[in-house]
Protein backbone atom coordinates (compact mmCIF):
# COMPACT_ATOMS: atom_id res chain seq x y z
CA MET A 1 -38.33 -36.76 5.97
CA GLU A 2 -41.27 -38.32 4.20
CA ILE A 3 -39.19 -41.21 2.82
CA LEU A 4 -38.18 -42.38 6.29
CA SER A 5 -41.78 -42.39 7.48
CA LEU A 6 -42.84 -44.40 4.39
CA LEU A 7 -40.09 -46.95 5.00
CA GLU A 8 -41.17 -47.21 8.61
CA GLU A 9 -44.77 -47.79 7.45
CA LEU A 10 -43.59 -50.61 5.15
CA GLU A 11 -41.70 -52.13 8.05
CA ILE A 12 -44.81 -52.02 10.24
CA LYS A 13 -46.92 -53.60 7.47
CA GLY A 14 -44.33 -56.34 7.20
CA GLU A 15 -44.53 -57.02 10.92
CA GLU A 16 -48.34 -56.93 10.97
CA GLY A 17 -48.80 -58.99 7.81
CA GLU A 18 -50.09 -62.56 7.85
CA LYS A 19 -47.48 -65.18 8.38
CA TRP A 20 -47.75 -68.16 6.10
CA TYR A 21 -46.20 -71.43 6.78
CA THR A 22 -46.45 -74.27 4.32
CA ARG A 23 -44.61 -77.43 3.69
CA PHE A 24 -45.85 -77.94 0.19
CA ILE A 25 -44.33 -74.97 -1.63
CA PRO A 26 -40.58 -74.96 -1.38
CA GLY A 27 -39.11 -71.63 -0.25
CA PHE A 28 -42.49 -70.36 0.97
CA ILE A 29 -42.13 -71.53 4.53
CA GLY A 30 -42.23 -68.70 7.10
CA LYS A 31 -43.14 -65.93 4.62
CA THR A 32 -45.29 -62.87 5.28
CA VAL A 33 -48.14 -61.92 3.00
CA LEU A 34 -48.95 -58.23 2.44
CA ASP A 35 -51.82 -56.52 0.74
CA ALA A 36 -50.46 -55.82 -2.74
CA GLU A 37 -52.48 -52.61 -3.19
CA GLU A 38 -51.16 -51.12 0.05
CA PHE A 39 -47.62 -52.31 -0.67
CA PHE A 40 -47.53 -50.83 -4.19
CA GLY A 41 -49.20 -47.60 -2.98
CA ILE A 42 -46.47 -47.10 -0.39
CA LEU A 43 -43.85 -48.08 -2.97
CA HIS A 44 -45.27 -45.50 -5.41
CA GLN A 45 -45.15 -42.83 -2.68
CA LEU A 46 -41.55 -43.83 -1.95
CA ARG A 47 -40.62 -43.43 -5.64
CA SER A 48 -42.31 -40.03 -5.83
CA GLY A 49 -40.61 -38.93 -2.62
CA LEU A 50 -37.26 -40.27 -3.80
CA ARG A 51 -37.53 -38.31 -7.06
CA THR A 52 -38.25 -35.13 -5.12
CA GLU A 53 -35.54 -35.88 -2.58
CA MET A 54 -33.03 -36.74 -5.31
CA THR A 55 -33.89 -33.56 -7.20
CA THR A 56 -33.52 -31.56 -4.00
CA ALA A 57 -30.26 -33.35 -3.12
CA THR A 58 -28.92 -32.71 -6.64
CA GLN A 59 -29.91 -29.05 -6.38
CA VAL A 60 -28.34 -28.79 -2.92
CA THR A 61 -25.15 -30.38 -4.28
CA ARG A 62 -25.08 -27.91 -7.19
CA ASP A 63 -25.76 -25.02 -4.85
CA ARG A 64 -23.06 -26.28 -2.51
CA GLU A 65 -20.55 -26.46 -5.38
CA ARG A 66 -21.58 -23.01 -6.61
CA ILE A 67 -21.31 -21.57 -3.09
CA LEU A 68 -17.92 -23.23 -2.60
CA GLN A 69 -16.72 -21.87 -5.94
CA GLU A 70 -17.98 -18.40 -5.06
CA ALA A 71 -16.24 -18.68 -1.68
CA ARG A 72 -13.00 -19.74 -3.39
CA THR A 73 -13.31 -16.84 -5.85
CA GLU A 74 -14.06 -14.37 -3.06
CA SER A 75 -11.20 -15.78 -1.01
CA ALA A 76 -8.85 -15.35 -3.97
CA LYS A 77 -10.06 -11.76 -4.44
CA ILE A 78 -9.53 -11.00 -0.75
CA LEU A 79 -6.06 -12.54 -0.83
CA GLU A 80 -5.16 -10.58 -3.96
CA ALA A 81 -6.47 -7.36 -2.40
CA ALA A 82 -4.45 -8.09 0.74
CA ARG A 83 -1.34 -8.73 -1.36
CA GLU A 84 -1.88 -5.48 -3.25
CA GLN A 85 -2.42 -3.59 0.00
CA ALA A 86 0.74 -5.11 1.46
CA HIS A 87 2.62 -4.23 -1.72
CA LEU A 88 1.32 -0.65 -1.56
CA LEU A 89 2.34 -0.37 2.07
CA VAL A 90 5.79 -1.73 1.30
CA SER A 91 6.01 0.53 -1.74
CA SER A 92 4.92 3.60 0.20
CA ASP A 93 7.42 2.74 2.95
CA GLU A 94 10.10 2.43 0.31
CA VAL A 95 9.00 5.72 -1.28
CA VAL A 96 9.12 7.43 2.11
CA LYS A 97 12.55 5.98 2.83
CA HIS A 98 13.77 7.01 -0.61
CA ALA A 99 12.32 10.51 -0.17
CA GLU A 100 13.94 10.85 3.25
CA GLN A 101 17.26 9.65 1.86
CA ARG A 102 16.98 12.05 -1.09
CA GLY A 103 16.05 14.87 1.30
CA GLU A 104 19.17 14.18 3.38
CA GLU A 105 21.27 14.19 0.20
CA ILE A 106 19.78 17.54 -0.85
CA ILE A 107 20.39 19.02 2.62
CA ASP A 108 23.99 17.78 2.60
CA GLN A 109 24.56 19.18 -0.89
CA SER A 110 22.97 22.48 0.17
CA ARG A 111 25.37 22.72 3.12
CA ILE A 112 28.32 22.07 0.81
CA ASP A 113 27.02 24.66 -1.68
CA ALA A 114 26.41 27.18 1.11
CA GLN A 115 29.96 26.72 2.40
CA ALA A 116 31.35 27.21 -1.11
CA ILE A 117 29.22 30.35 -1.64
CA ARG A 118 30.27 31.70 1.77
CA ALA A 119 33.94 31.06 0.94
CA GLU A 120 33.54 32.78 -2.44
CA ALA A 121 31.78 35.73 -0.79
CA GLU A 122 34.53 36.08 1.81
CA THR A 123 37.19 35.95 -0.92
CA TRP A 124 35.31 38.55 -2.96
CA ALA A 125 34.86 40.78 0.14
CA ARG A 126 38.59 40.50 0.96
CA GLY A 127 39.40 41.48 -2.61
CA ILE A 128 37.12 44.53 -2.39
CA VAL A 129 38.64 45.54 0.97
CA GLU A 130 42.16 45.16 -0.44
CA ARG A 131 41.26 47.25 -3.49
CA LEU A 132 39.71 49.89 -1.23
CA GLU A 133 42.81 49.88 0.97
CA ASN A 134 45.00 50.31 -2.14
CA TYR A 135 42.75 53.07 -3.42
CA VAL A 136 42.70 54.82 -0.04
CA ALA A 137 46.47 54.43 0.22
CA ARG A 138 46.93 55.97 -3.24
CA MET A 139 44.50 58.75 -2.38
CA SER A 140 46.34 59.36 0.89
CA ALA A 141 49.66 59.43 -0.98
CA THR A 142 48.20 61.84 -3.53
CA ILE A 143 46.83 64.04 -0.75
CA ASP A 144 50.19 63.98 1.05
CA LYS A 145 52.00 64.77 -2.20
CA THR A 146 49.56 67.58 -2.96
CA ARG A 147 49.93 69.01 0.58
CA LYS A 148 53.72 68.91 0.33
CA ALA A 149 53.54 70.55 -3.06
CA LEU A 150 51.26 73.27 -1.66
CA VAL A 151 53.49 73.81 1.34
CA THR A 152 56.56 73.93 -0.86
CA ASP A 153 54.86 76.21 -3.38
CA THR A 154 53.64 78.53 -0.61
CA ALA A 155 57.09 78.66 0.97
CA THR A 156 58.66 79.39 -2.41
CA ARG A 157 56.26 82.24 -3.10
CA ARG A 158 56.84 83.79 0.26
CA ALA A 159 60.50 83.63 -0.28
CA GLU A 160 60.14 85.33 -3.64
CA MET A 161 58.12 88.22 -2.27
CA PRO A 162 60.55 90.44 -0.52
CA GLY A 163 58.21 93.11 0.67
CA GLU A 164 55.87 91.00 2.49
CA GLU A 165 58.40 89.75 4.87
CA GLU A 166 59.28 93.30 5.98
CA GLU A 167 55.95 94.18 7.11
């Protein structure tokens, strides 16, 4: 840094300056005399350098605060995104679990419905078979009755025809 080198130069000037010792002026014993023009030139350079350094330091501080604020904001965004992602994962897990549970309920209900339909179909089929058996039984009875009537009618006609028996 330029300021440190200027301070070091002032220190060297102070060490190299003339030493004055006097007994006549109180407080002036053992003092060092410097060239005023050199001293004020270095002092002016120090002030100029300090202004620049202070401006730079102020700017660095502002930049640091801005960067820190941006980092905090970005950190908050990342955390929020992570929370949302976690929430979505939890939600999708819950949706999957709910869908699986609902699927099981539908399958169970389908089995119950299938059993009921099968039972109704068996009952209906038994009813049809019973009706067919009744119908076949009535038809068989009618056939038997008709056969008996034909046999009886044929026997009666043969008995009534006297000439046919002689032949």
